[in-house]
Amino acid sequence: MDGERRPLSERPFFWRHGVRGYWRISASVLAAGAVIVAGLFSAGSLAAQGHLSKVPLPSKIIPTGPTHQAFPGEVESLDSKLHILNVNAVNGGNFEIFPLKKNTKVVTADGRALTLAALAPGTGVIVYYEQKGDRRSVQNIVVLPAKEKGRKSPPPP
């Protein structure tokens, strides 16, 4: 039977169709495949929605590493025995207490080194410190130039 066509009754089941039958079977296979794929995608999206409900609250997120910060203000007091520096904020209102180490660097704005004794009350400073958890570690203190009292500042534009 090489080269000649067998009657439909002698053909295997999947060959028992004409041209139209072939397309009907293909369409049904494609439709079944589409239903299966849609089911998989919907199951995946349901699983993802369950995962989204476990997002931590912002209050529970704690930074893992140290954060470098700066605090500008004026020196209120310096306790050289306990190595504690009290600094008032520039805008007033609140103050911060900084523990100092013996090797804390004190410099002027142009880079000259100073000692802790140069931190007199009323001196303008910027305290650069590292916050790790609830502990502070002062890295360095920059002493700002003194404001000239006799000279008026120009009005803002």
Protein backbone atom coordinates (compact mmCIF):
# COMPACT_ATOMS: atom_id res chain seq x y z
CA MET A 1 0.00 0.00 0.00
CA ASP A 2 2.85 2.30 -0.56
CA GLY A 3 1.85 5.50 -2.26
CA GLU A 4 -1.91 4.90 -2.24
CA ARG A 5 -4.42 6.13 0.30
CA ARG A 6 -6.18 3.69 2.57
CA PRO A 7 -9.88 4.03 3.26
CA LEU A 8 -10.85 5.97 6.45
CA SER A 9 -11.92 2.79 8.26
CA GLU A 10 -8.42 1.31 7.93
CA ARG A 11 -6.60 4.43 9.08
CA PRO A 12 -5.60 4.93 12.75
CA PHE A 13 -8.00 7.10 14.82
CA PHE A 14 -5.90 10.26 14.74
CA TRP A 15 -5.71 10.02 10.93
CA ARG A 16 -9.45 9.48 10.44
CA HIS A 17 -10.34 12.98 9.41
CA GLY A 18 -10.36 15.12 6.39
CA VAL A 19 -8.86 18.58 6.17
CA ARG A 20 -11.70 20.10 8.22
CA GLY A 21 -11.46 17.44 10.90
CA TYR A 22 -7.77 18.12 11.38
CA TRP A 23 -8.48 21.75 12.19
CA ARG A 24 -11.31 20.85 14.54
CA ILE A 25 -9.04 18.59 16.58
CA SER A 26 -6.28 21.22 16.62
CA ALA A 27 -8.70 23.89 17.81
CA SER A 28 -9.93 21.71 20.66
CA VAL A 29 -6.36 20.87 21.69
CA LEU A 30 -5.46 24.57 21.64
CA ALA A 31 -8.53 25.46 23.71
CA ALA A 32 -7.68 22.80 26.31
CA GLY A 33 -4.09 24.06 26.45
CA ALA A 34 -5.28 27.63 26.94
CA VAL A 35 -7.49 26.56 29.85
CA ILE A 36 -4.55 24.77 31.50
CA VAL A 37 -2.21 27.75 31.05
CA ALA A 38 -4.84 30.14 32.44
CA GLY A 39 -5.27 27.90 35.47
CA LEU A 40 -1.52 27.91 36.11
CA PHE A 41 -1.32 31.70 35.90
CA SER A 42 -4.25 32.21 38.25
CA ALA A 43 -2.73 29.79 40.78
CA GLY A 44 0.57 31.68 40.58
CA SER A 45 -1.10 35.05 41.14
CA LEU A 46 -3.01 33.70 44.16
CA ALA A 47 0.24 32.46 45.66
CA ALA A 48 1.85 35.87 45.06
CA GLN A 49 -1.04 37.66 46.77
CA GLY A 50 -0.58 35.49 49.84
CA HIS A 51 3.09 36.48 49.91
CA LEU A 52 2.34 40.21 49.71
CA SER A 53 0.39 40.13 52.95
CA LYS A 54 3.60 39.34 54.85
CA VAL A 55 5.30 42.69 54.16
CA PRO A 56 6.84 44.07 57.39
CA LEU A 57 5.53 47.30 58.85
CA PRO A 58 7.79 50.36 58.54
CA SER A 59 8.08 50.56 62.34
CA LYS A 60 9.67 47.12 62.41
CA ILE A 61 12.30 47.88 59.77
CA ILE A 62 15.58 48.66 61.52
CA PRO A 63 18.61 49.82 59.56
CA THR A 64 21.34 47.22 59.85
CA GLY A 65 24.41 49.39 59.46
CA PRO A 66 25.56 52.65 60.99
CA THR A 67 24.22 55.91 59.63
CA HIS A 68 26.38 59.00 59.31
CA GLN A 69 24.67 62.22 60.38
CA ALA A 70 25.45 65.85 61.09
CA PHE A 71 23.99 68.14 63.75
CA PRO A 72 24.56 71.90 63.37
CA GLY A 73 24.16 74.08 66.44
CA GLU A 74 25.80 76.08 69.21
CA VAL A 75 27.71 74.64 72.14
CA GLU A 76 25.74 74.92 75.36
CA SER A 77 28.21 73.17 77.65
CA LEU A 78 31.18 70.82 77.65
CA ASP A 79 31.88 68.47 80.54
CA SER A 80 35.56 67.59 80.14
CA LYS A 81 35.56 65.08 83.02
CA LEU A 82 32.62 63.02 81.69
CA HIS A 83 33.43 63.81 78.02
CA ILE A 84 29.89 65.01 77.24
CA LEU A 85 29.01 67.81 74.81
CA ASN A 86 25.59 69.56 74.90
CA VAL A 87 24.66 71.29 71.63
CA ASN A 88 21.59 73.50 71.02
CA ALA A 89 20.01 73.23 67.58
CA VAL A 90 20.50 76.13 65.16
CA ASN A 91 16.78 76.85 65.00
CA GLY A 92 16.48 76.58 68.79
CA GLY A 93 14.00 74.49 70.66
CA ASN A 94 15.84 71.24 71.16
CA PHE A 95 19.34 70.18 72.10
CA GLU A 96 21.40 67.04 71.70
CA ILE A 97 23.87 65.36 74.03
CA PHE A 98 26.95 63.78 72.45
CA PRO A 99 29.41 61.46 74.21
CA LEU A 100 32.99 62.32 73.24
CA LYS A 101 36.04 60.09 73.00
CA LYS A 102 39.57 61.16 73.80
CA ASN A 103 40.51 60.96 70.12
CA THR A 104 37.57 63.07 68.82
CA LYS A 105 38.89 65.49 66.19
CA VAL A 106 38.04 69.18 66.52
CA VAL A 107 38.86 71.32 63.49
CA THR A 108 37.97 74.74 62.12
CA ALA A 109 36.08 75.20 58.85
CA ASP A 110 39.39 75.75 57.04
CA GLY A 111 40.93 72.55 58.49
CA ARG A 112 43.10 73.78 61.40
CA ALA A 113 43.18 71.38 64.34
CA LEU A 114 41.85 72.56 67.71
CA THR A 115 41.45 71.08 71.16
CA LEU A 116 38.23 70.36 73.05
CA ALA A 117 38.95 73.45 75.19
CA ALA A 118 38.12 75.60 72.13
CA LEU A 119 34.46 74.54 72.43
CA ALA A 120 33.27 77.44 74.59
CA PRO A 121 29.54 78.02 75.16
CA GLY A 122 27.98 79.86 72.21
CA THR A 123 30.47 78.53 69.65
CA GLY A 124 28.85 77.50 66.37
CA VAL A 125 29.65 73.89 65.50
CA ILE A 126 28.65 71.02 63.24
CA VAL A 127 28.91 67.66 64.99
CA TYR A 128 29.46 64.73 62.62
CA TYR A 129 28.50 61.48 64.28
CA GLU A 130 27.63 57.88 63.53
CA GLN A 131 24.35 56.46 64.82
CA LYS A 132 24.32 52.69 65.31
CA GLY A 133 21.18 51.47 67.04
CA ASP A 134 20.74 53.70 70.09
CA ARG A 135 24.46 54.53 70.41
CA ARG A 136 26.24 57.57 69.02
CA SER A 137 29.88 57.88 68.17
CA VAL A 138 31.17 61.39 67.39
CA GLN A 139 33.59 61.31 64.45
CA ASN A 140 34.64 64.95 64.35
CA ILE A 141 33.49 68.45 65.26
CA VAL A 142 33.83 71.41 62.91
CA VAL A 143 33.97 74.84 64.58
CA LEU A 144 32.25 77.45 62.44
CA PRO A 145 33.58 81.01 62.12
CA ALA A 146 32.11 83.49 64.60
CA LYS A 147 29.37 85.82 63.32
CA GLU A 148 30.26 89.49 63.17
CA LYS A 149 27.80 91.37 65.38
CA GLY A 150 28.46 94.89 64.04
CA ARG A 151 27.78 93.96 60.44
CA LYS A 152 24.27 93.47 59.13
CA SER A 153 23.57 90.63 56.78
CA PRO A 154 22.05 91.63 53.44
CA PRO A 155 18.30 91.09 53.13
CA PRO A 156 17.23 87.94 51.30
CA PRO A 157 16.41 88.45 47.60
